[in-house]
Amino acid sequence: MTKTEAIVRAAREVIAYGGPDCLTDPHVTLPALNDVMTRGVTEDEILAAVITRENELEDAGMHADDRITCHAHQGWAVECADYRMHTNPSAFN
């Protein structure tokens, strides 16, 4: 398995698990994440792969509210949930 394939596999595991907590939760062992971490992959590379995968899923019909990443800010949704753009989007029109 190439590094890129390992990152894609890890991104799918992160989406299946439900978000960034799986990167630091000591009670969760995900072989895909262990594999990419031993290859020197960073959390930012995993995040980028998750965003790419969620973009594909959204294009295929997934509702935007089901994302665990923020398309606008290119980060984890939980880290920008309180940002004004999300709570009052009309303020930015």
PDB file of N, CA and C in Angstrom:
ATOM      1  N   MET A   1       0.850  -1.171   0.000  1.00  0.00           N
ATOM      2  CA  MET A   1       0.000   0.000   0.000  1.00  0.00           C
ATOM      3  C   MET A   1       0.902   1.242   0.000  1.00  0.00           C
ATOM      4  N   THR A   2       0.589   2.171  -0.880  1.00  0.00           N
ATOM      5  CA  THR A   2       1.369   3.402  -0.948  1.00  0.00           C
ATOM      6  C   THR A   2       0.964   4.351   0.173  1.00  0.00           C
ATOM      7  N   LYS A   3       1.770   5.376   0.387  1.00  0.00           N
ATOM      8  CA  LYS A   3       1.444   6.381   1.404  1.00  0.00           C
ATOM      9  C   LYS A   3       0.101   7.042   1.095  1.00  0.00           C
ATOM     10  N   THR A   4      -0.127   7.377  -0.164  1.00  0.00           N
ATOM     11  CA  THR A   4      -1.388   8.013  -0.562  1.00  0.00           C
ATOM     12  C   THR A   4      -2.576   7.095  -0.300  1.00  0.00           C
ATOM     13  N   GLU A   5      -2.429   5.832  -0.629  1.00  0.00           N
ATOM     14  CA  GLU A   5      -3.507   4.870  -0.372  1.00  0.00           C
ATOM     15  C   GLU A   5      -3.760   4.739   1.128  1.00  0.00           C
ATOM     16  N   ALA A   6      -2.715   4.765   1.923  1.00  0.00           N
ATOM     17  CA  ALA A   6      -2.864   4.687   3.378  1.00  0.00           C
ATOM     18  C   ALA A   6      -3.592   5.912   3.923  1.00  0.00           C
ATOM     19  N   ILE A   7      -3.287   7.086   3.371  1.00  0.00           N
ATOM     20  CA  ILE A   7      -3.965   8.306   3.811  1.00  0.00           C
ATOM     21  C   ILE A   7      -5.450   8.239   3.470  1.00  0.00           C
ATOM     22  N   VAL A   8      -5.775   7.791   2.273  1.00  0.00           N
ATOM     23  CA  VAL A   8      -7.181   7.670   1.869  1.00  0.00           C
ATOM     24  C   VAL A   8      -7.906   6.682   2.778  1.00  0.00           C
ATOM     25  N   ARG A   9      -7.261   5.569   3.086  1.00  0.00           N
ATOM     26  CA  ARG A   9      -7.867   4.575   3.983  1.00  0.00           C
ATOM     27  C   ARG A   9      -8.107   5.182   5.365  1.00  0.00           C
ATOM     28  N   ALA A  10      -7.139   5.927   5.864  1.00  0.00           N
ATOM     29  CA  ALA A  10      -7.290   6.568   7.173  1.00  0.00           C
ATOM     30  C   ALA A  10      -8.410   7.597   7.151  1.00  0.00           C
ATOM     31  N   ALA A  11      -8.518   8.352   6.072  1.00  0.00           N
ATOM     32  CA  ALA A  11      -9.589   9.348   5.959  1.00  0.00           C
ATOM     33  C   ALA A  11     -10.954   8.682   6.048  1.00  0.00           C
ATOM     34  N   ARG A  12     -11.095   7.565   5.383  1.00  0.00           N
ATOM     35  CA  ARG A  12     -12.374   6.841   5.438  1.00  0.00           C
ATOM     36  C   ARG A  12     -12.661   6.334   6.853  1.00  0.00           C
ATOM     37  N   GLU A  13     -11.628   5.904   7.566  1.00  0.00           N
ATOM     38  CA  GLU A  13     -11.805   5.456   8.950  1.00  0.00           C
ATOM     39  C   GLU A  13     -12.209   6.622   9.850  1.00  0.00           C
ATOM     40  N   VAL A  14     -11.592   7.784   9.648  1.00  0.00           N
ATOM     41  CA  VAL A  14     -11.938   8.965  10.444  1.00  0.00           C
ATOM     42  C   VAL A  14     -13.393   9.329  10.227  1.00  0.00           C
ATOM     43  N   ILE A  15     -13.841   9.317   8.975  1.00  0.00           N
ATOM     44  CA  ILE A  15     -15.245   9.625   8.679  1.00  0.00           C
ATOM     45  C   ILE A  15     -16.153   8.592   9.336  1.00  0.00           C
ATOM     46  N   ALA A  16     -15.797   7.338   9.245  1.00  0.00           N
ATOM     47  CA  ALA A  16     -16.616   6.282   9.843  1.00  0.00           C
ATOM     48  C   ALA A  16     -16.685   6.419  11.362  1.00  0.00           C
ATOM     49  N   TYR A  17     -15.580   6.817  11.972  1.00  0.00           N
ATOM     50  CA  TYR A  17     -15.542   6.953  13.429  1.00  0.00           C
ATOM     51  C   TYR A  17     -16.275   8.205  13.892  1.00  0.00           C
ATOM     52  N   GLY A  18     -16.232   9.251  13.108  1.00  0.00           N
ATOM     53  CA  GLY A  18     -17.001  10.431  13.454  1.00  0.00           C
ATOM     54  C   GLY A  18     -16.218  11.691  13.725  1.00  0.00           C
ATOM     55  N   GLY A  19     -14.957  11.751  13.457  1.00  0.00           N
ATOM     56  CA  GLY A  19     -14.272  13.024  13.586  1.00  0.00           C
ATOM     57  C   GLY A  19     -12.868  12.973  14.136  1.00  0.00           C
ATOM     58  N   PRO A  20     -12.368  14.158  14.488  1.00  0.00           N
ATOM     59  CA  PRO A  20     -10.959  14.278  14.868  1.00  0.00           C
ATOM     60  C   PRO A  20     -10.608  13.635  16.197  1.00  0.00           C
ATOM     61  N   ASP A  21     -11.590  13.344  17.051  1.00  0.00           N
ATOM     62  CA  ASP A  21     -11.281  12.719  18.338  1.00  0.00           C
ATOM     63  C   ASP A  21     -10.571  11.386  18.162  1.00  0.00           C
ATOM     64  N   CYS A  22     -10.811  10.713  17.059  1.00  0.00           N
ATOM     65  CA  CYS A  22     -10.167   9.407  16.862  1.00  0.00           C
ATOM     66  C   CYS A  22      -8.666   9.546  16.679  1.00  0.00           C
ATOM     67  N   LEU A  23      -8.185  10.761  16.407  1.00  0.00           N
ATOM     68  CA  LEU A  23      -6.746  10.956  16.255  1.00  0.00           C
ATOM     69  C   LEU A  23      -6.036  10.983  17.600  1.00  0.00           C
ATOM     70  N   THR A  24      -6.776  11.277  18.674  1.00  0.00           N
ATOM     71  CA  THR A  24      -6.144  11.417  19.980  1.00  0.00           C
ATOM     72  C   THR A  24      -6.761  10.537  21.062  1.00  0.00           C
ATOM     73  N   ASP A  25      -7.858   9.880  20.778  1.00  0.00           N
ATOM     74  CA  ASP A  25      -8.548   9.065  21.772  1.00  0.00           C
ATOM     75  C   ASP A  25      -7.728   7.805  22.057  1.00  0.00           C
ATOM     76  N   PRO A  26      -7.192   7.674  23.283  1.00  0.00           N
ATOM     77  CA  PRO A  26      -6.344   6.513  23.581  1.00  0.00           C
ATOM     78  C   PRO A  26      -7.113   5.195  23.650  1.00  0.00           C
ATOM     79  N   HIS A  27      -8.433   5.275  23.708  1.00  0.00           N
ATOM     80  CA  HIS A  27      -9.234   4.055  23.820  1.00  0.00           C
ATOM     81  C   HIS A  27      -9.624   3.490  22.456  1.00  0.00           C
ATOM     82  N   VAL A  28      -9.270   4.202  21.399  1.00  0.00           N
ATOM     83  CA  VAL A  28      -9.635   3.767  20.054  1.00  0.00           C
ATOM     84  C   VAL A  28      -8.364   3.373  19.301  1.00  0.00           C
ATOM     85  N   THR A  29      -8.366   2.158  18.825  1.00  0.00           N
ATOM     86  CA  THR A  29      -7.236   1.714  18.022  1.00  0.00           C
ATOM     87  C   THR A  29      -7.733   1.476  16.607  1.00  0.00           C
ATOM     88  N   LEU A  30      -7.290   2.305  15.699  1.00  0.00           N
ATOM     89  CA  LEU A  30      -7.674   2.148  14.305  1.00  0.00           C
ATOM     90  C   LEU A  30      -6.439   1.776  13.497  1.00  0.00           C
ATOM     91  N   PRO A  31      -6.406   0.562  12.993  1.00  0.00           N
ATOM     92  CA  PRO A  31      -5.227   0.123  12.236  1.00  0.00           C
ATOM     93  C   PRO A  31      -4.849   1.077  11.106  1.00  0.00           C
ATOM     94  N   ALA A  32      -5.832   1.658  10.466  1.00  0.00           N
ATOM     95  CA  ALA A  32      -5.530   2.575   9.359  1.00  0.00           C
ATOM     96  C   ALA A  32      -4.761   3.795   9.848  1.00  0.00           C
ATOM     97  N   LEU A  33      -5.127   4.328  10.997  1.00  0.00           N
ATOM     98  CA  LEU A  33      -4.418   5.490  11.535  1.00  0.00           C
ATOM     99  C   LEU A  33      -3.032   5.118  12.019  1.00  0.00           C
ATOM    100  N   ASN A  34      -2.932   3.968  12.639  1.00  0.00           N
ATOM    101  CA  ASN A  34      -1.608   3.502  13.067  1.00  0.00           C
ATOM    102  C   ASN A  34      -0.683   3.358  11.868  1.00  0.00           C
ATOM    103  N   ASP A  35      -1.221   2.841  10.782  1.00  0.00           N
ATOM    104  CA  ASP A  35      -0.434   2.641   9.577  1.00  0.00           C
ATOM    105  C   ASP A  35       0.085   3.964   9.030  1.00  0.00           C
ATOM    106  N   VAL A  36      -0.782   4.963   8.925  1.00  0.00           N
ATOM    107  CA  VAL A  36      -0.323   6.231   8.354  1.00  0.00           C
ATOM    108  C   VAL A  36       0.614   6.974   9.298  1.00  0.00           C
ATOM    109  N   MET A  37       0.380   6.868  10.591  1.00  0.00           N
ATOM    110  CA  MET A  37       1.254   7.555  11.544  1.00  0.00           C
ATOM    111  C   MET A  37       2.668   6.965  11.499  1.00  0.00           C
ATOM    112  N   THR A  38       2.768   5.661  11.305  1.00  0.00           N
ATOM    113  CA  THR A  38       4.102   5.063  11.207  1.00  0.00           C
ATOM    114  C   THR A  38       4.791   5.440   9.901  1.00  0.00           C
ATOM    115  N   ARG A  39       4.026   5.886   8.932  1.00  0.00           N
ATOM    116  CA  ARG A  39       4.588   6.344   7.661  1.00  0.00           C
ATOM    117  C   ARG A  39       4.961   7.825   7.699  1.00  0.00           C
ATOM    118  N   GLY A  40       4.751   8.467   8.866  1.00  0.00           N
ATOM    119  CA  GLY A  40       5.105   9.876   8.998  1.00  0.00           C
ATOM    120  C   GLY A  40       4.055  10.848   8.495  1.00  0.00           C
ATOM    121  N   VAL A  41       2.844  10.373   8.310  1.00  0.00           N
ATOM    122  CA  VAL A  41       1.755  11.231   7.847  1.00  0.00           C
ATOM    123  C   VAL A  41       1.317  12.139   8.991  1.00  0.00           C
ATOM    124  N   THR A  42       1.037  13.384   8.668  1.00  0.00           N
ATOM    125  CA  THR A  42       0.614  14.341   9.691  1.00  0.00           C
ATOM    126  C   THR A  42      -0.906  14.380   9.794  1.00  0.00           C
ATOM    127  N   GLU A  43      -1.390  14.951  10.891  1.00  0.00           N
ATOM    128  CA  GLU A  43      -2.833  15.120  11.052  1.00  0.00           C
ATOM    129  C   GLU A  43      -3.389  16.024   9.961  1.00  0.00           C
ATOM    130  N   ASP A  44      -2.616  17.007   9.515  1.00  0.00           N
ATOM    131  CA  ASP A  44      -3.069  17.892   8.438  1.00  0.00           C
ATOM    132  C   ASP A  44      -3.276  17.127   7.136  1.00  0.00           C
ATOM    133  N   GLU A  45      -2.420  16.155   6.865  1.00  0.00           N
ATOM    134  CA  GLU A  45      -2.590  15.341   5.662  1.00  0.00           C
ATOM    135  C   GLU A  45      -3.852  14.486   5.760  1.00  0.00           C
ATOM    136  N   ILE A  46      -4.125  13.970   6.948  1.00  0.00           N
ATOM    137  CA  ILE A  46      -5.348  13.191   7.153  1.00  0.00           C
ATOM    138  C   ILE A  46      -6.566  14.098   6.999  1.00  0.00           C
ATOM    139  N   LEU A  47      -6.504  15.290   7.598  1.00  0.00           N
ATOM    140  CA  LEU A  47      -7.600  16.248   7.471  1.00  0.00           C
ATOM    141  C   LEU A  47      -7.866  16.569   6.001  1.00  0.00           C
ATOM    142  N   ALA A  48      -6.829  16.830   5.237  1.00  0.00           N
ATOM    143  CA  ALA A  48      -6.997  17.143   3.819  1.00  0.00           C
ATOM    144  C   ALA A  48      -7.683  15.996   3.081  1.00  0.00           C
ATOM    145  N   ALA A  49      -7.313  14.772   3.412  1.00  0.00           N
ATOM    146  CA  ALA A  49      -7.930  13.606   2.775  1.00  0.00           C
ATOM    147  C   ALA A  49      -9.393  13.461   3.193  1.00  0.00           C
ATOM    148  N   VAL A  50      -9.689  13.754   4.449  1.00  0.00           N
ATOM    149  CA  VAL A  50     -11.073  13.684   4.922  1.00  0.00           C
ATOM    150  C   VAL A  50     -11.912  14.738   4.201  1.00  0.00           C
ATOM    151  N   ILE A  51     -11.386  15.958   4.073  1.00  0.00           N
ATOM    152  CA  ILE A  51     -12.115  17.015   3.364  1.00  0.00           C
ATOM    153  C   ILE A  51     -12.375  16.598   1.921  1.00  0.00           C
ATOM    154  N   THR A  52     -11.368  16.060   1.268  1.00  0.00           N
ATOM    155  CA  THR A  52     -11.530  15.598  -0.115  1.00  0.00           C
ATOM    156  C   THR A  52     -12.599  14.525  -0.207  1.00  0.00           C
ATOM    157  N   ARG A  53     -12.558  13.556   0.698  1.00  0.00           N
ATOM    158  CA  ARG A  53     -13.550  12.471   0.674  1.00  0.00           C
ATOM    159  C   ARG A  53     -14.951  13.004   0.951  1.00  0.00           C
ATOM    160  N   GLU A  54     -15.085  13.915   1.906  1.00  0.00           N
ATOM    161  CA  GLU A  54     -16.415  14.463   2.192  1.00  0.00           C
ATOM    162  C   GLU A  54     -16.928  15.308   1.030  1.00  0.00           C
ATOM    163  N   ASN A  55     -16.055  15.991   0.322  1.00  0.00           N
ATOM    164  CA  ASN A  55     -16.477  16.716  -0.881  1.00  0.00           C
ATOM    165  C   ASN A  55     -17.060  15.742  -1.896  1.00  0.00           C
ATOM    166  N   GLU A  56     -16.382  14.594  -2.069  1.00  0.00           N
ATOM    167  CA  GLU A  56     -16.882  13.572  -2.991  1.00  0.00           C
ATOM    168  C   GLU A  56     -18.232  13.033  -2.528  1.00  0.00           C
ATOM    169  N   LEU A  57     -18.346  12.766  -1.232  1.00  0.00           N
ATOM    170  CA  LEU A  57     -19.605  12.241  -0.696  1.00  0.00           C
ATOM    171  C   LEU A  57     -20.729  13.261  -0.844  1.00  0.00           C
ATOM    172  N   GLU A  58     -20.410  14.534  -0.612  1.00  0.00           N
ATOM    173  CA  GLU A  58     -21.431  15.572  -0.753  1.00  0.00           C
ATOM    174  C   GLU A  58     -21.863  15.695  -2.218  1.00  0.00           C
ATOM    175  N   ASP A  59     -20.915  15.629  -3.142  1.00  0.00           N
ATOM    176  CA  ASP A  59     -21.252  15.649  -4.568  1.00  0.00           C
ATOM    177  C   ASP A  59     -22.134  14.464  -4.951  1.00  0.00           C
ATOM    178  N   ALA A  60     -21.981  13.363  -4.226  1.00  0.00           N
ATOM    179  CA  ALA A  60     -22.766  12.154  -4.508  1.00  0.00           C
ATOM    180  C   ALA A  60     -24.109  12.147  -3.786  1.00  0.00           C
ATOM    181  N   GLY A  61     -24.398  13.203  -2.996  1.00  0.00           N
ATOM    182  CA  GLY A  61     -25.713  13.294  -2.369  1.00  0.00           C
ATOM    183  C   GLY A  61     -25.734  13.399  -0.858  1.00  0.00           C
ATOM    184  N   MET A  62     -24.587  13.272  -0.199  1.00  0.00           N
ATOM    185  CA  MET A  62     -24.579  13.423   1.257  1.00  0.00           C
ATOM    186  C   MET A  62     -24.973  14.858   1.617  1.00  0.00           C
ATOM    187  N   HIS A  63     -25.790  15.017   2.651  1.00  0.00           N
ATOM    188  CA  HIS A  63     -26.193  16.349   3.089  1.00  0.00           C
ATOM    189  C   HIS A  63     -25.009  17.053   3.743  1.00  0.00           C
ATOM    190  N   ALA A  64     -24.864  18.331   3.475  1.00  0.00           N
ATOM    191  CA  ALA A  64     -23.739  19.112   4.013  1.00  0.00           C
ATOM    192  C   ALA A  64     -23.695  19.089   5.533  1.00  0.00           C
ATOM    193  N   ASP A  65     -24.850  18.974   6.180  1.00  0.00           N
ATOM    194  CA  ASP A  65     -24.893  18.940   7.645  1.00  0.00           C
ATOM    195  C   ASP A  65     -24.281  17.666   8.213  1.00  0.00           C
ATOM    196  N   ASP A  66     -24.057  16.669   7.377  1.00  0.00           N
ATOM    197  CA  ASP A  66     -23.474  15.409   7.836  1.00  0.00           C
ATOM    198  C   ASP A  66     -21.944  15.416   7.809  1.00  0.00           C
ATOM    199  N   ARG A  67     -21.364  16.527   7.363  1.00  0.00           N
ATOM    200  CA  ARG A  67     -19.905  16.622   7.308  1.00  0.00           C
ATOM    201  C   ARG A  67     -19.317  16.702   8.714  1.00  0.00           C
ATOM    202  N   ILE A  68     -18.112  16.157   8.878  1.00  0.00           N
ATOM    203  CA  ILE A  68     -17.369  16.336  10.128  1.00  0.00           C
ATOM    204  C   ILE A  68     -16.245  17.350   9.929  1.00  0.00           C
ATOM    205  N   THR A  69     -16.132  17.830   8.680  1.00  0.00           N
ATOM    206  CA  THR A  69     -15.183  18.895   8.377  1.00  0.00           C
ATOM    207  C   THR A  69     -15.955  20.122   7.920  1.00  0.00           C
ATOM    208  N   CYS A  70     -15.294  21.263   7.948  1.00  0.00           N
ATOM    209  CA  CYS A  70     -15.894  22.505   7.486  1.00  0.00           C
ATOM    210  C   CYS A  70     -15.324  22.833   6.112  1.00  0.00           C
ATOM    211  N   HIS A  71     -16.186  22.825   5.120  1.00  0.00           N
ATOM    212  CA  HIS A  71     -15.745  23.119   3.759  1.00  0.00           C
ATOM    213  C   HIS A  71     -15.245  24.561   3.655  1.00  0.00           C
ATOM    214  N   ALA A  72     -15.910  25.475   4.335  1.00  0.00           N
ATOM    215  CA  ALA A  72     -15.543  26.888   4.250  1.00  0.00           C
ATOM    216  C   ALA A  72     -14.174  27.178   4.849  1.00  0.00           C
ATOM    217  N   HIS A  73     -13.868  26.547   5.968  1.00  0.00           N
ATOM    218  CA  HIS A  73     -12.627  26.845   6.684  1.00  0.00           C
ATOM    219  C   HIS A  73     -11.551  25.789   6.517  1.00  0.00           C
ATOM    220  N   GLN A  74     -11.873  24.699   5.825  1.00  0.00           N
ATOM    221  CA  GLN A  74     -10.918  23.632   5.573  1.00  0.00           C
ATOM    222  C   GLN A  74     -10.321  23.096   6.876  1.00  0.00           C
ATOM    223  N   GLY A  75     -11.192  22.844   7.842  1.00  0.00           N
ATOM    224  CA  GLY A  75     -10.773  22.305   9.128  1.00  0.00           C
ATOM    225  C   GLY A  75     -11.858  21.400   9.678  1.00  0.00           C
ATOM    226  N   TRP A  76     -11.670  20.960  10.927  1.00  0.00           N
ATOM    227  CA  TRP A  76     -12.679  20.134  11.587  1.00  0.00           C
ATOM    228  C   TRP A  76     -13.871  21.005  11.943  1.00  0.00           C
ATOM    229  N   ALA A  77     -15.067  20.520  11.700  1.00  0.00           N
ATOM    230  CA  ALA A  77     -16.282  21.290  11.960  1.00  0.00           C
ATOM    231  C   ALA A  77     -16.397  21.687  13.428  1.00  0.00           C
ATOM    232  N   VAL A  78     -15.980  20.816  14.328  1.00  0.00           N
ATOM    233  CA  VAL A  78     -16.108  21.133  15.754  1.00  0.00           C
ATOM    234  C   VAL A  78     -15.219  22.296  16.163  1.00  0.00           C
ATOM    235  N   GLU A  79     -14.183  22.578  15.394  1.00  0.00           N
ATOM    236  CA  GLU A  79     -13.272  23.661  15.737  1.00  0.00           C
ATOM    237  C   GLU A  79     -13.743  25.022  15.245  1.00  0.00           C
ATOM    238  N   CYS A  80     -14.724  25.057  14.370  1.00  0.00           N
ATOM    239  CA  CYS A  80     -15.198  26.350  13.878  1.00  0.00           C
ATOM    240  C   CYS A  80     -16.705  26.502  14.016  1.00  0.00           C
ATOM    241  N   ALA A  81     -17.331  25.648  14.799  1.00  0.00           N
ATOM    242  CA  ALA A  81     -18.787  25.680  14.941  1.00  0.00           C
ATOM    243  C   ALA A  81     -19.314  26.990  15.518  1.00  0.00           C
ATOM    244  N   ASP A  82     -18.517  27.674  16.308  1.00  0.00           N
ATOM    245  CA  ASP A  82     -18.964  28.931  16.911  1.00  0.00           C
ATOM    246  C   ASP A  82     -18.612  30.150  16.067  1.00  0.00           C
ATOM    247  N   TYR A  83     -18.000  29.949  14.928  1.00  0.00           N
ATOM    248  CA  TYR A  83     -17.625  31.054  14.061  1.00  0.00           C
ATOM    249  C   TYR A  83     -18.887  31.733  13.548  1.00  0.00           C
ATOM    250  N   ARG A  84     -18.908  33.070  13.519  1.00  0.00           N
ATOM    251  CA  ARG A  84     -20.109  33.822  13.146  1.00  0.00           C
ATOM    252  C   ARG A  84     -20.678  33.427  11.797  1.00  0.00           C
ATOM    253  N   MET A  85     -19.824  33.064  10.863  1.00  0.00           N
ATOM    254  CA  MET A  85     -20.310  32.695   9.533  1.00  0.00           C
ATOM    255  C   MET A  85     -21.260  31.511   9.600  1.00  0.00           C
ATOM    256  N   HIS A  86     -21.053  30.620  10.562  1.00  0.00           N
ATOM    257  CA  HIS A  86     -21.916  29.450  10.702  1.00  0.00           C
ATOM    258  C   HIS A  86     -23.187  29.771  11.474  1.00  0.00           C
ATOM    259  N   THR A  87     -23.082  30.630  12.469  1.00  0.00           N
ATOM    260  CA  THR A  87     -24.248  30.912  13.294  1.00  0.00           C
ATOM    261  C   THR A  87     -25.108  32.035  12.734  1.00  0.00           C
ATOM    262  N   ASN A  88     -24.527  32.905  11.881  1.00  0.00           N
ATOM    263  CA  ASN A  88     -25.283  34.011  11.287  1.00  0.00           C
ATOM    264  C   ASN A  88     -24.749  34.287   9.872  1.00  0.00           C
ATOM    265  N   PRO A  89     -24.997  33.367   8.939  1.00  0.00           N
ATOM    266  CA  PRO A  89     -24.429  33.517   7.604  1.00  0.00           C
ATOM    267  C   PRO A  89     -24.849  34.795   6.890  1.00  0.00           C
ATOM    268  N   SER A  90     -26.035  35.324   7.173  1.00  0.00           N
ATOM    269  CA  SER A  90     -26.492  36.522   6.480  1.00  0.00           C
ATOM    270  C   SER A  90     -25.646  37.743   6.797  1.00  0.00           C
ATOM    271  N   ALA A  91     -24.890  37.691   7.892  1.00  0.00           N
ATOM    272  CA  ALA A  91     -24.026  38.804   8.259  1.00  0.00           C
ATOM    273  C   ALA A  91     -22.861  38.953   7.286  1.00  0.00           C
ATOM    274  N   PHE A  92     -22.634  37.948   6.451  1.00  0.00           N
ATOM    275  CA  PHE A  92     -21.503  37.975   5.531  1.00  0.00           C
ATOM    276  C   PHE A  92     -21.935  38.185   4.091  1.00  0.00           C
ATOM    277  N   ASN A  93     -23.197  38.465   3.872  1.00  0.00           N
ATOM    278  CA  ASN A  93     -23.688  38.711   2.495  1.00  0.00           C
ATOM    279  C   ASN A  93     -23.539  40.170   2.137  1.00  0.00           C
TER     280      ASN A  93
END
